Amino acid sequence: MQDPSGQPPAEARRTAVYLTMHQIPEGKVVSYGQLAELAGLGRAARFVGRTLSQLPDGSHLPWHRVIGAGGRLSLPAGTVSGEEQRARLRAEGVTIRNNRVDMARHGWRPTEDNG
């Protein structure tokens, strides 16, 4: 069943985001928009952002691998979540320069990475 917007129900959309996010390999990142597209949700970057902001405490999903368009880190430096994201990415070998990640180097391309 679809909601009035023509999209699957929110719970099914969240599940698609979770399942897709779970597949992002260590050391790779995707943008919110790319995650939405990979999850079959079209241009639902804001839905992805909202979904990630509502993850339960203690979630083991790799939320830190989801970043803004063009490799921009959208969680502010100096905040608990922003610093945690940066630390987790660096621990996986992701280079951060000027609050950005090099998408050519660290971007996840499932069809090329087979993962």
PDB file of N, CA and C in Angstrom:
ATOM      1  N   MET A   1       0.835  -1.179   0.000  1.00  0.00           N
ATOM      2  CA  MET A   1       0.000   0.000   0.000  1.00  0.00           C
ATOM      3  C   MET A   1       0.883   1.247   0.000  1.00  0.00           C
ATOM      4  N   GLN A   2       0.457   2.269  -0.717  1.00  0.00           N
ATOM      5  CA  GLN A   2       1.219   3.501  -0.784  1.00  0.00           C
ATOM      6  C   GLN A   2       0.509   4.600  -0.017  1.00  0.00           C
ATOM      7  N   ASP A   3       1.308   5.582   0.432  1.00  0.00           N
ATOM      8  CA  ASP A   3       0.685   6.726   1.087  1.00  0.00           C
ATOM      9  C   ASP A   3       0.225   7.703   0.008  1.00  0.00           C
ATOM     10  N   PRO A   4      -0.440   8.799   0.366  1.00  0.00           N
ATOM     11  CA  PRO A   4      -0.979   9.720  -0.646  1.00  0.00           C
ATOM     12  C   PRO A   4       0.070  10.301  -1.595  1.00  0.00           C
ATOM     13  N   SER A   5       1.346  10.332  -1.201  1.00  0.00           N
ATOM     14  CA  SER A   5       2.387  10.876  -2.074  1.00  0.00           C
ATOM     15  C   SER A   5       2.788   9.892  -3.165  1.00  0.00           C
ATOM     16  N   GLY A   6       2.264   8.678  -3.109  1.00  0.00           N
ATOM     17  CA  GLY A   6       2.636   7.665  -4.084  1.00  0.00           C
ATOM     18  C   GLY A   6       3.833   6.841  -3.644  1.00  0.00           C
ATOM     19  N   GLN A   7       4.377   7.145  -2.476  1.00  0.00           N
ATOM     20  CA  GLN A   7       5.516   6.419  -1.928  1.00  0.00           C
ATOM     21  C   GLN A   7       5.020   5.255  -1.069  1.00  0.00           C
ATOM     22  N   PRO A   8       5.860   4.235  -0.888  1.00  0.00           N
ATOM     23  CA  PRO A   8       5.516   3.187   0.076  1.00  0.00           C
ATOM     24  C   PRO A   8       5.372   3.803   1.462  1.00  0.00           C
ATOM     25  N   PRO A   9       4.725   3.104   2.392  1.00  0.00           N
ATOM     26  CA  PRO A   9       4.587   3.627   3.754  1.00  0.00           C
ATOM     27  C   PRO A   9       5.950   3.953   4.364  1.00  0.00           C
ATOM     28  N   ALA A  10       5.952   4.884   5.303  1.00  0.00           N
ATOM     29  CA  ALA A  10       7.194   5.355   5.907  1.00  0.00           C
ATOM     30  C   ALA A  10       8.029   4.210   6.488  1.00  0.00           C
ATOM     31  N   GLU A  11       7.389   3.246   7.113  1.00  0.00           N
ATOM     32  CA  GLU A  11       8.145   2.137   7.715  1.00  0.00           C
ATOM     33  C   GLU A  11       8.894   1.347   6.643  1.00  0.00           C
ATOM     34  N   ALA A  12       8.269   1.113   5.493  1.00  0.00           N
ATOM     35  CA  ALA A  12       8.929   0.399   4.402  1.00  0.00           C
ATOM     36  C   ALA A  12      10.081   1.231   3.843  1.00  0.00           C
ATOM     37  N   ARG A  13       9.901   2.540   3.779  1.00  0.00           N
ATOM     38  CA  ARG A  13      10.960   3.420   3.295  1.00  0.00           C
ATOM     39  C   ARG A  13      12.137   3.424   4.266  1.00  0.00           C
ATOM     40  N   ARG A  14      11.849   3.479   5.568  1.00  0.00           N
ATOM     41  CA  ARG A  14      12.919   3.431   6.578  1.00  0.00           C
ATOM     42  C   ARG A  14      13.688   2.117   6.467  1.00  0.00           C
ATOM     43  N   THR A  15      12.970   1.026   6.327  1.00  0.00           N
ATOM     44  CA  THR A  15      13.613  -0.280   6.214  1.00  0.00           C
ATOM     45  C   THR A  15      14.537  -0.323   4.998  1.00  0.00           C
ATOM     46  N   ALA A  16      14.094   0.242   3.878  1.00  0.00           N
ATOM     47  CA  ALA A  16      14.928   0.285   2.666  1.00  0.00           C
ATOM     48  C   ALA A  16      16.203   1.085   2.929  1.00  0.00           C
ATOM     49  N   VAL A  17      16.081   2.195   3.651  1.00  0.00           N
ATOM     50  CA  VAL A  17      17.256   3.009   3.991  1.00  0.00           C
ATOM     51  C   VAL A  17      18.199   2.193   4.866  1.00  0.00           C
ATOM     52  N   TYR A  18      17.670   1.538   5.899  1.00  0.00           N
ATOM     53  CA  TYR A  18      18.506   0.750   6.814  1.00  0.00           C
ATOM     54  C   TYR A  18      19.234  -0.370   6.081  1.00  0.00           C
ATOM     55  N   LEU A  19      18.509  -1.094   5.245  1.00  0.00           N
ATOM     56  CA  LEU A  19      19.114  -2.226   4.528  1.00  0.00           C
ATOM     57  C   LEU A  19      20.216  -1.770   3.578  1.00  0.00           C
ATOM     58  N   THR A  20      19.991  -0.660   2.911  1.00  0.00           N
ATOM     59  CA  THR A  20      20.992  -0.138   1.983  1.00  0.00           C
ATOM     60  C   THR A  20      22.192   0.414   2.744  1.00  0.00           C
ATOM     61  N   MET A  21      21.945   1.169   3.798  1.00  0.00           N
ATOM     62  CA  MET A  21      23.028   1.744   4.593  1.00  0.00           C
ATOM     63  C   MET A  21      23.911   0.642   5.177  1.00  0.00           C
ATOM     64  N   HIS A  22      23.310  -0.446   5.569  1.00  0.00           N
ATOM     65  CA  HIS A  22      24.044  -1.572   6.155  1.00  0.00           C
ATOM     66  C   HIS A  22      25.092  -2.120   5.178  1.00  0.00           C
ATOM     67  N   GLN A  23      24.874  -1.928   3.873  1.00  0.00           N
ATOM     68  CA  GLN A  23      25.775  -2.475   2.853  1.00  0.00           C
ATOM     69  C   GLN A  23      26.982  -1.589   2.541  1.00  0.00           C
ATOM     70  N   ILE A  24      26.986  -0.352   3.026  1.00  0.00           N
ATOM     71  CA  ILE A  24      28.094   0.557   2.716  1.00  0.00           C
ATOM     72  C   ILE A  24      29.358   0.005   3.375  1.00  0.00           C
ATOM     73  N   PRO A  25      30.382  -0.295   2.580  1.00  0.00           N
ATOM     74  CA  PRO A  25      31.595  -0.890   3.153  1.00  0.00           C
ATOM     75  C   PRO A  25      32.403   0.101   3.987  1.00  0.00           C
ATOM     76  N   GLU A  26      33.176  -0.437   4.884  1.00  0.00           N
ATOM     77  CA  GLU A  26      34.085   0.361   5.696  1.00  0.00           C
ATOM     78  C   GLU A  26      35.006   1.151   4.776  1.00  0.00           C
ATOM     79  N   GLY A  27      35.237   2.414   5.121  1.00  0.00           N
ATOM     80  CA  GLY A  27      36.125   3.253   4.325  1.00  0.00           C
ATOM     81  C   GLY A  27      35.469   3.898   3.124  1.00  0.00           C
ATOM     82  N   LYS A  28      34.154   3.682   2.961  1.00  0.00           N
ATOM     83  CA  LYS A  28      33.405   4.276   1.849  1.00  0.00           C
ATOM     84  C   LYS A  28      32.298   5.149   2.412  1.00  0.00           C
ATOM     85  N   VAL A  29      31.857   6.115   1.614  1.00  0.00           N
ATOM     86  CA  VAL A  29      30.784   7.016   2.014  1.00  0.00           C
ATOM     87  C   VAL A  29      29.802   7.186   0.861  1.00  0.00           C
ATOM     88  N   VAL A  30      28.582   7.604   1.206  1.00  0.00           N
ATOM     89  CA  VAL A  30      27.569   7.973   0.216  1.00  0.00           C
ATOM     90  C   VAL A  30      26.904   9.263   0.683  1.00  0.00           C
ATOM     91  N   SER A  31      26.326   9.978  -0.253  1.00  0.00           N
ATOM     92  CA  SER A  31      25.559  11.167   0.118  1.00  0.00           C
ATOM     93  C   SER A  31      24.152  10.731   0.509  1.00  0.00           C
ATOM     94  N   TYR A  32      23.450  11.622   1.183  1.00  0.00           N
ATOM     95  CA  TYR A  32      22.063  11.345   1.550  1.00  0.00           C
ATOM     96  C   TYR A  32      21.251  11.032   0.301  1.00  0.00           C
ATOM     97  N   GLY A  33      21.442  11.819  -0.744  1.00  0.00           N
ATOM     98  CA  GLY A  33      20.704  11.612  -1.988  1.00  0.00           C
ATOM     99  C   GLY A  33      21.044  10.294  -2.659  1.00  0.00           C
ATOM    100  N   GLN A  34      22.326   9.929  -2.642  1.00  0.00           N
ATOM    101  CA  GLN A  34      22.737   8.664  -3.237  1.00  0.00           C
ATOM    102  C   GLN A  34      22.133   7.497  -2.461  1.00  0.00           C
ATOM    103  N   LEU A  35      22.121   7.600  -1.141  1.00  0.00           N
ATOM    104  CA  LEU A  35      21.527   6.536  -0.328  1.00  0.00           C
ATOM    105  C   LEU A  35      20.049   6.388  -0.655  1.00  0.00           C
ATOM    106  N   ALA A  36      19.351   7.511  -0.788  1.00  0.00           N
ATOM    107  CA  ALA A  36      17.928   7.458  -1.148  1.00  0.00           C
ATOM    108  C   ALA A  36      17.738   6.755  -2.486  1.00  0.00           C
ATOM    109  N   GLU A  37      18.558   7.125  -3.455  1.00  0.00           N
ATOM    110  CA  GLU A  37      18.453   6.525  -4.786  1.00  0.00           C
ATOM    111  C   GLU A  37      18.749   5.021  -4.738  1.00  0.00           C
ATOM    112  N   LEU A  38      19.816   4.645  -4.058  1.00  0.00           N
ATOM    113  CA  LEU A  38      20.180   3.231  -3.946  1.00  0.00           C
ATOM    114  C   LEU A  38      19.100   2.422  -3.229  1.00  0.00           C
ATOM    115  N   ALA A  39      18.388   3.069  -2.310  1.00  0.00           N
ATOM    116  CA  ALA A  39      17.326   2.395  -1.559  1.00  0.00           C
ATOM    117  C   ALA A  39      16.013   2.350  -2.344  1.00  0.00           C
ATOM    118  N   GLY A  40      16.026   2.902  -3.552  1.00  0.00           N
ATOM    119  CA  GLY A  40      14.828   2.879  -4.376  1.00  0.00           C
ATOM    120  C   GLY A  40      13.817   3.956  -4.035  1.00  0.00           C
ATOM    121  N   LEU A  41      14.293   5.039  -3.415  1.00  0.00           N
ATOM    122  CA  LEU A  41      13.389   6.095  -2.965  1.00  0.00           C
ATOM    123  C   LEU A  41      13.509   7.376  -3.785  1.00  0.00           C
ATOM    124  N   GLY A  42      14.189   7.293  -4.903  1.00  0.00           N
ATOM    125  CA  GLY A  42      14.309   8.464  -5.756  1.00  0.00           C
ATOM    126  C   GLY A  42      15.084   9.583  -5.094  1.00  0.00           C
ATOM    127  N   ARG A  43      14.522  10.784  -5.168  1.00  0.00           N
ATOM    128  CA  ARG A  43      15.210  11.980  -4.673  1.00  0.00           C
ATOM    129  C   ARG A  43      14.751  12.325  -3.250  1.00  0.00           C
ATOM    130  N   ALA A  44      14.899  11.393  -2.348  1.00  0.00           N
ATOM    131  CA  ALA A  44      14.388  11.556  -0.981  1.00  0.00           C
ATOM    132  C   ALA A  44      15.513  11.783   0.025  1.00  0.00           C
ATOM    133  N   ALA A  45      16.462  12.657  -0.322  1.00  0.00           N
ATOM    134  CA  ALA A  45      17.608  12.912   0.560  1.00  0.00           C
ATOM    135  C   ALA A  45      17.156  13.408   1.927  1.00  0.00           C
ATOM    136  N   ARG A  46      16.150  14.267   1.950  1.00  0.00           N
ATOM    137  CA  ARG A  46      15.688  14.797   3.248  1.00  0.00           C
ATOM    138  C   ARG A  46      15.063  13.705   4.101  1.00  0.00           C
ATOM    139  N   PHE A  47      14.359  12.783   3.468  1.00  0.00           N
ATOM    140  CA  PHE A  47      13.799  11.656   4.220  1.00  0.00           C
ATOM    141  C   PHE A  47      14.932  10.841   4.843  1.00  0.00           C
ATOM    142  N   VAL A  48      15.994  10.615   4.081  1.00  0.00           N
ATOM    143  CA  VAL A  48      17.146   9.870   4.599  1.00  0.00           C
ATOM    144  C   VAL A  48      17.745  10.602   5.791  1.00  0.00           C
ATOM    145  N   GLY A  49      17.937  11.905   5.679  1.00  0.00           N
ATOM    146  CA  GLY A  49      18.485  12.684   6.786  1.00  0.00           C
ATOM    147  C   GLY A  49      17.630  12.606   8.027  1.00  0.00           C
ATOM    148  N   ARG A  50      16.330  12.722   7.835  1.00  0.00           N
ATOM    149  CA  ARG A  50      15.401  12.638   8.969  1.00  0.00           C
ATOM    150  C   ARG A  50      15.453  11.239   9.589  1.00  0.00           C
ATOM    151  N   THR A  51      15.508  10.224   8.753  1.00  0.00           N
ATOM    152  CA  THR A  51      15.563   8.846   9.239  1.00  0.00           C
ATOM    153  C   THR A  51      16.833   8.613  10.060  1.00  0.00           C
ATOM    154  N   LEU A  52      17.954   9.108   9.570  1.00  0.00           N
ATOM    155  CA  LEU A  52      19.206   8.942  10.306  1.00  0.00           C
ATOM    156  C   LEU A  52      19.191   9.708  11.620  1.00  0.00           C
ATOM    157  N   SER A  53      18.554  10.857  11.633  1.00  0.00           N
ATOM    158  CA  SER A  53      18.497  11.644  12.876  1.00  0.00           C
ATOM    159  C   SER A  53      17.640  10.963  13.938  1.00  0.00           C
ATOM    160  N   GLN A  54      16.826  10.007  13.529  1.00  0.00           N
ATOM    161  CA  GLN A  54      15.937   9.314  14.452  1.00  0.00           C
ATOM    162  C   GLN A  54      16.400   7.892  14.774  1.00  0.00           C
ATOM    163  N   LEU A  55      17.635   7.550  14.399  1.00  0.00           N
ATOM    164  CA  LEU A  55      18.138   6.211  14.730  1.00  0.00           C
ATOM    165  C   LEU A  55      18.143   6.033  16.244  1.00  0.00           C
ATOM    166  N   PRO A  56      17.773   4.851  16.704  1.00  0.00           N
ATOM    167  CA  PRO A  56      17.798   4.618  18.154  1.00  0.00           C
ATOM    168  C   PRO A  56      19.227   4.632  18.697  1.00  0.00           C
ATOM    169  N   ASP A  57      19.371   5.048  19.954  1.00  0.00           N
ATOM    170  CA  ASP A  57      20.682   5.011  20.607  1.00  0.00           C
ATOM    171  C   ASP A  57      21.223   3.591  20.540  1.00  0.00           C
ATOM    172  N   GLY A  58      22.507   3.480  20.292  1.00  0.00           N
ATOM    173  CA  GLY A  58      23.140   2.163  20.252  1.00  0.00           C
ATOM    174  C   GLY A  58      23.003   1.452  18.916  1.00  0.00           C
ATOM    175  N   SER A  59      22.453   2.124  17.914  1.00  0.00           N
ATOM    176  CA  SER A  59      22.311   1.504  16.598  1.00  0.00           C
ATOM    177  C   SER A  59      23.688   1.127  16.054  1.00  0.00           C
ATOM    178  N   HIS A  60      23.770  -0.020  15.417  1.00  0.00           N
ATOM    179  CA  HIS A  60      25.031  -0.476  14.835  1.00  0.00           C
ATOM    180  C   HIS A  60      25.106  -0.174  13.345  1.00  0.00           C
ATOM    181  N   LEU A  61      24.124   0.553  12.822  1.00  0.00           N
ATOM    182  CA  LEU A  61      24.155   0.927  11.414  1.00  0.00           C
ATOM    183  C   LEU A  61      25.255   1.965  11.181  1.00  0.00           C
ATOM    184  N   PRO A  62      25.922   1.924  10.035  1.00  0.00           N
ATOM    185  CA  PRO A  62      27.034   2.844   9.780  1.00  0.00           C
ATOM    186  C   PRO A  62      26.567   4.228   9.321  1.00  0.00           C
ATOM    187  N   TRP A  63      25.824   4.914  10.174  1.00  0.00           N
ATOM    188  CA  TRP A  63      25.283   6.233   9.867  1.00  0.00           C
ATOM    189  C   TRP A  63      26.372   7.241   9.529  1.00  0.00           C
ATOM    190  N   HIS A  64      27.554   7.026  10.098  1.00  0.00           N
ATOM    191  CA  HIS A  64      28.659   7.962   9.890  1.00  0.00           C
ATOM    192  C   HIS A  64      29.163   7.965   8.455  1.00  0.00           C
ATOM    193  N   ARG A  65      28.803   6.966   7.678  1.00  0.00           N
ATOM    194  CA  ARG A  65      29.243   6.873   6.284  1.00  0.00           C
ATOM    195  C   ARG A  65      28.320   7.628   5.329  1.00  0.00           C
ATOM    196  N   VAL A  66      27.310   8.284   5.861  1.00  0.00           N
ATOM    197  CA  VAL A  66      26.369   9.052   5.035  1.00  0.00           C
ATOM    198  C   VAL A  66      26.665  10.529   5.254  1.00  0.00           C
ATOM    199  N   ILE A  67      26.987  11.219   4.144  1.00  0.00           N
ATOM    200  CA  ILE A  67      27.415  12.616   4.235  1.00  0.00           C
ATOM    201  C   ILE A  67      26.638  13.471   3.239  1.00  0.00           C
ATOM    202  N   GLY A  68      26.887  14.753   3.285  1.00  0.00           N
ATOM    203  CA  GLY A  68      26.193  15.679   2.403  1.00  0.00           C
ATOM    204  C   GLY A  68      26.682  15.591   0.964  1.00  0.00           C
ATOM    205  N   ALA A  69      25.954  16.271   0.100  1.00  0.00           N
ATOM    206  CA  ALA A  69      26.280  16.298  -1.327  1.00  0.00           C
ATOM    207  C   ALA A  69      27.685  16.844  -1.540  1.00  0.00           C
ATOM    208  N   GLY A  70      28.362  16.299  -2.527  1.00  0.00           N
ATOM    209  CA  GLY A  70      29.695  16.763  -2.862  1.00  0.00           C
ATOM    210  C   GLY A  70      30.749  16.418  -1.831  1.00  0.00           C
ATOM    211  N   GLY A  71      30.431  15.517  -0.914  1.00  0.00           N
ATOM    212  CA  GLY A  71      31.396  15.086   0.090  1.00  0.00           C
ATOM    213  C   GLY A  71      31.434  15.947   1.333  1.00  0.00           C
ATOM    214  N   ARG A  72      30.496  16.882   1.456  1.00  0.00           N
ATOM    215  CA  ARG A  72      30.470  17.794   2.608  1.00  0.00           C
ATOM    216  C   ARG A  72      29.974  17.065   3.853  1.00  0.00           C
ATOM    217  N   LEU A  73      30.681  17.251   4.955  1.00  0.00           N
ATOM    218  CA  LEU A  73      30.213  16.706   6.237  1.00  0.00           C
ATOM    219  C   LEU A  73      29.148  17.652   6.761  1.00  0.00           C
ATOM    220  N   SER A  74      27.947  17.149   6.946  1.00  0.00           N
ATOM    221  CA  SER A  74      26.839  18.019   7.338  1.00  0.00           C
ATOM    222  C   SER A  74      26.660  18.137   8.845  1.00  0.00           C
ATOM    223  N   LEU A  75      27.252  17.228   9.597  1.00  0.00           N
ATOM    224  CA  LEU A  75      27.185  17.341  11.061  1.00  0.00           C
ATOM    225  C   LEU A  75      28.278  18.305  11.497  1.00  0.00           C
ATOM    226  N   PRO A  76      27.931  19.346  12.239  1.00  0.00           N
ATOM    227  CA  PRO A  76      28.906  20.393  12.578  1.00  0.00           C
ATOM    228  C   PRO A  76      30.068  19.892  13.430  1.00  0.00           C
ATOM    229  N   ALA A  77      31.260  20.365  13.081  1.00  0.00           N
ATOM    230  CA  ALA A  77      32.435  20.096  13.905  1.00  0.00           C
ATOM    231  C   ALA A  77      32.191  20.713  15.276  1.00  0.00           C
ATOM    232  N   GLY A  78      32.681  20.052  16.304  1.00  0.00           N
ATOM    233  CA  GLY A  78      32.513  20.563  17.658  1.00  0.00           C
ATOM    234  C   GLY A  78      31.277  20.030  18.359  1.00  0.00           C
ATOM    235  N   THR A  79      30.371  19.377  17.612  1.00  0.00           N
ATOM    236  CA  THR A  79      29.213  18.747  18.246  1.00  0.00           C
ATOM    237  C   THR A  79      29.569  17.296  18.536  1.00  0.00           C
ATOM    238  N   VAL A  80      28.855  16.689  19.456  1.00  0.00           N
ATOM    239  CA  VAL A  80      29.134  15.295  19.811  1.00  0.00           C
ATOM    240  C   VAL A  80      29.002  14.392  18.582  1.00  0.00           C
ATOM    241  N   SER A  81      27.894  14.517  17.856  1.00  0.00           N
ATOM    242  CA  SER A  81      27.682  13.648  16.698  1.00  0.00           C
ATOM    243  C   SER A  81      28.663  13.970  15.576  1.00  0.00           C
ATOM    244  N   GLY A  82      28.965  15.253  15.382  1.00  0.00           N
ATOM    245  CA  GLY A  82      29.915  15.638  14.342  1.00  0.00           C
ATOM    246  C   GLY A  82      31.308  15.100  14.619  1.00  0.00           C
ATOM    247  N   GLU A  83      31.743  15.199  15.854  1.00  0.00           N
ATOM    248  CA  GLU A  83      33.066  14.685  16.218  1.00  0.00           C
ATOM    249  C   GLU A  83      33.103  13.159  16.152  1.00  0.00           C
ATOM    250  N   GLU A  84      32.005  12.519  16.535  1.00  0.00           N
ATOM    251  CA  GLU A  84      31.960  11.057  16.447  1.00  0.00           C
ATOM    252  C   GLU A  84      32.037  10.608  14.987  1.00  0.00           C
ATOM    253  N   GLN A  85      31.306  11.299  14.109  1.00  0.00           N
ATOM    254  CA  GLN A  85      31.350  10.954  12.687  1.00  0.00           C
ATOM    255  C   GLN A  85      32.781  11.093  12.147  1.00  0.00           C
ATOM    256  N   ARG A  86      33.417  12.198  12.436  1.00  0.00           N
ATOM    257  CA  ARG A  86      34.780  12.429  11.951  1.00  0.00           C
ATOM    258  C   ARG A  86      35.743  11.369  12.487  1.00  0.00           C
ATOM    259  N   ALA A  87      35.632  11.042  13.763  1.00  0.00           N
ATOM    260  CA  ALA A  87      36.518  10.032  14.360  1.00  0.00           C
ATOM    261  C   ALA A  87      36.292   8.665  13.722  1.00  0.00           C
ATOM    262  N   ARG A  88      35.034   8.296  13.530  1.00  0.00           N
ATOM    263  CA  ARG A  88      34.738   6.993  12.922  1.00  0.00           C
ATOM    264  C   ARG A  88      35.258   6.916  11.489  1.00  0.00           C
ATOM    265  N   LEU A  89      35.039   7.986  10.718  1.00  0.00           N
ATOM    266  CA  LEU A  89      35.511   7.987   9.331  1.00  0.00           C
ATOM    267  C   LEU A  89      37.034   7.903   9.280  1.00  0.00           C
ATOM    268  N   ARG A  90      37.712   8.691  10.096  1.00  0.00           N
ATOM    269  CA  ARG A  90      39.184   8.650  10.115  1.00  0.00           C
ATOM    270  C   ARG A  90      39.695   7.267  10.518  1.00  0.00           C
ATOM    271  N   ALA A  91      39.014   6.625  11.471  1.00  0.00           N
ATOM    272  CA  ALA A  91      39.412   5.283  11.912  1.00  0.00           C
ATOM    273  C   ALA A  91      39.290   4.264  10.778  1.00  0.00           C
ATOM    274  N   GLU A  92      38.430   4.552   9.803  1.00  0.00           N
ATOM    275  CA  GLU A  92      38.252   3.662   8.647  1.00  0.00           C
ATOM    276  C   GLU A  92      39.159   4.066   7.481  1.00  0.00           C
ATOM    277  N   GLY A  93      40.012   5.063   7.701  1.00  0.00           N
ATOM    278  CA  GLY A  93      40.940   5.488   6.654  1.00  0.00           C
ATOM    279  C   GLY A  93      40.400   6.540   5.708  1.00  0.00           C
ATOM    280  N   VAL A  94      39.267   7.141   6.041  1.00  0.00           N
ATOM    281  CA  VAL A  94      38.688   8.184   5.197  1.00  0.00           C
ATOM    282  C   VAL A  94      39.372   9.506   5.521  1.00  0.00           C
ATOM    283  N   THR A  95      39.869  10.165   4.496  1.00  0.00           N
ATOM    284  CA  THR A  95      40.546  11.448   4.644  1.00  0.00           C
ATOM    285  C   THR A  95      39.529  12.574   4.611  1.00  0.00           C
ATOM    286  N   ILE A  96      39.635  13.476   5.577  1.00  0.00           N
ATOM    287  CA  ILE A  96      38.742  14.640   5.645  1.00  0.00           C
ATOM    288  C   ILE A  96      39.613  15.883   5.531  1.00  0.00           C
ATOM    289  N   ARG A  97      39.301  16.704   4.532  1.00  0.00           N
ATOM    290  CA  ARG A  97      40.024  17.968   4.341  1.00  0.00           C
ATOM    291  C   ARG A  97      39.013  19.078   4.134  1.00  0.00           C
ATOM    292  N   ASN A  98      39.170  20.171   4.876  1.00  0.00           N
ATOM    293  CA  ASN A  98      38.263  21.317   4.751  1.00  0.00           C
ATOM    294  C   ASN A  98      36.800  20.898   4.884  1.00  0.00           C
ATOM    295  N   ASN A  99      36.541  20.015   5.845  1.00  0.00           N
ATOM    296  CA  ASN A  99      35.185  19.552   6.136  1.00  0.00           C
ATOM    297  C   ASN A  99      34.552  18.772   4.979  1.00  0.00           C
ATOM    298  N   ARG A 100      35.399  18.185   4.131  1.00  0.00           N
ATOM    299  CA  ARG A 100      34.908  17.408   2.987  1.00  0.00           C
ATOM    300  C   ARG A 100      35.677  16.095   2.862  1.00  0.00           C
ATOM    301  N   VAL A 101      34.979  15.145   2.243  1.00  0.00           N
ATOM    302  CA  VAL A 101      35.565  13.849   1.917  1.00  0.00           C
ATOM    303  C   VAL A 101      35.705  13.796   0.401  1.00  0.00           C
ATOM    304  N   ASP A 102      36.823  13.289  -0.074  1.00  0.00           N
ATOM    305  CA  ASP A 102      37.050  13.134  -1.517  1.00  0.00           C
ATOM    306  C   ASP A 102      36.166  11.992  -2.023  1.00  0.00           C
ATOM    307  N   MET A 103      35.087  12.349  -2.709  1.00  0.00           N
ATOM    308  CA  MET A 103      34.130  11.341  -3.174  1.00  0.00           C
ATOM    309  C   MET A 103      34.736  10.444  -4.261  1.00  0.00           C
ATOM    310  N   ALA A 104      35.668  10.973  -5.051  1.00  0.00           N
ATOM    311  CA  ALA A 104      36.295  10.143  -6.085  1.00  0.00           C
ATOM    312  C   ALA A 104      37.092   9.005  -5.443  1.00  0.00           C
ATOM    313  N   ARG A 105      37.674   9.305  -4.293  1.00  0.00           N
ATOM    314  CA  ARG A 105      38.496   8.307  -3.601  1.00  0.00           C
ATOM    315  C   ARG A 105      37.680   7.424  -2.657  1.00  0.00           C
ATOM    316  N   HIS A 106      36.752   8.028  -1.906  1.00  0.00           N
ATOM    317  CA  HIS A 106      36.049   7.304  -0.851  1.00  0.00           C
ATOM    318  C   HIS A 106      34.571   7.034  -1.135  1.00  0.00           C
ATOM    319  N   GLY A 107      34.059   7.551  -2.245  1.00  0.00           N
ATOM    320  CA  GLY A 107      32.646   7.340  -2.546  1.00  0.00           C
ATOM    321  C   GLY A 107      32.353   5.883  -2.888  1.00  0.00           C
ATOM    322  N   TRP A 108      31.239   5.389  -2.402  1.00  0.00           N
ATOM    323  CA  TRP A 108      30.848   4.001  -2.660  1.00  0.00           C
ATOM    324  C   TRP A 108      30.087   3.930  -3.967  1.00  0.00           C
ATOM    325  N   ARG A 109      30.559   3.081  -4.847  1.00  0.00           N
ATOM    326  CA  ARG A 109      29.898   2.807  -6.118  1.00  0.00           C
ATOM    327  C   ARG A 109      29.627   1.308  -6.165  1.00  0.00           C
ATOM    328  N   PRO A 110      28.454   0.894  -5.716  1.00  0.00           N
ATOM    329  CA  PRO A 110      28.165  -0.537  -5.564  1.00  0.00           C
ATOM    330  C   PRO A 110      28.424  -1.356  -6.812  1.00  0.00           C
ATOM    331  N   THR A 111      28.131  -0.825  -7.986  1.00  0.00           N
ATOM    332  CA  THR A 111      28.330  -1.617  -9.204  1.00  0.00           C
ATOM    333  C   THR A 111      29.809  -1.828  -9.493  1.00  0.00           C
ATOM    334  N   GLU A 112      30.672  -0.901  -9.045  1.00  0.00           N
ATOM    335  CA  GLU A 112      32.110  -1.052  -9.259  1.00  0.00           C
ATOM    336  C   GLU A 112      32.773  -1.768  -8.097  1.00  0.00           C
ATOM    337  N   ASP A 113      32.292  -1.513  -6.875  1.00  0.00           N
ATOM    338  CA  ASP A 113      32.933  -2.066  -5.682  1.00  0.00           C
ATOM    339  C   ASP A 113      32.448  -3.475  -5.346  1.00  0.00           C
ATOM    340  N   ASN A 114      31.347  -3.894  -5.979  1.00  0.00           N
ATOM    341  CA  ASN A 114      30.783  -5.220  -5.687  1.00  0.00           C
ATOM    342  C   ASN A 114      30.596  -5.432  -4.199  1.00  0.00           C
ATOM    343  N   GLY A 115      30.066  -4.428  -3.521  1.00  0.00           N
ATOM    344  CA  GLY A 115      29.894  -4.614  -2.111  1.00  0.00           C
ATOM    345  C   GLY A 115      28.905  -3.664  -1.579  1.00  0.00           C
TER     346      GLY A 115
END
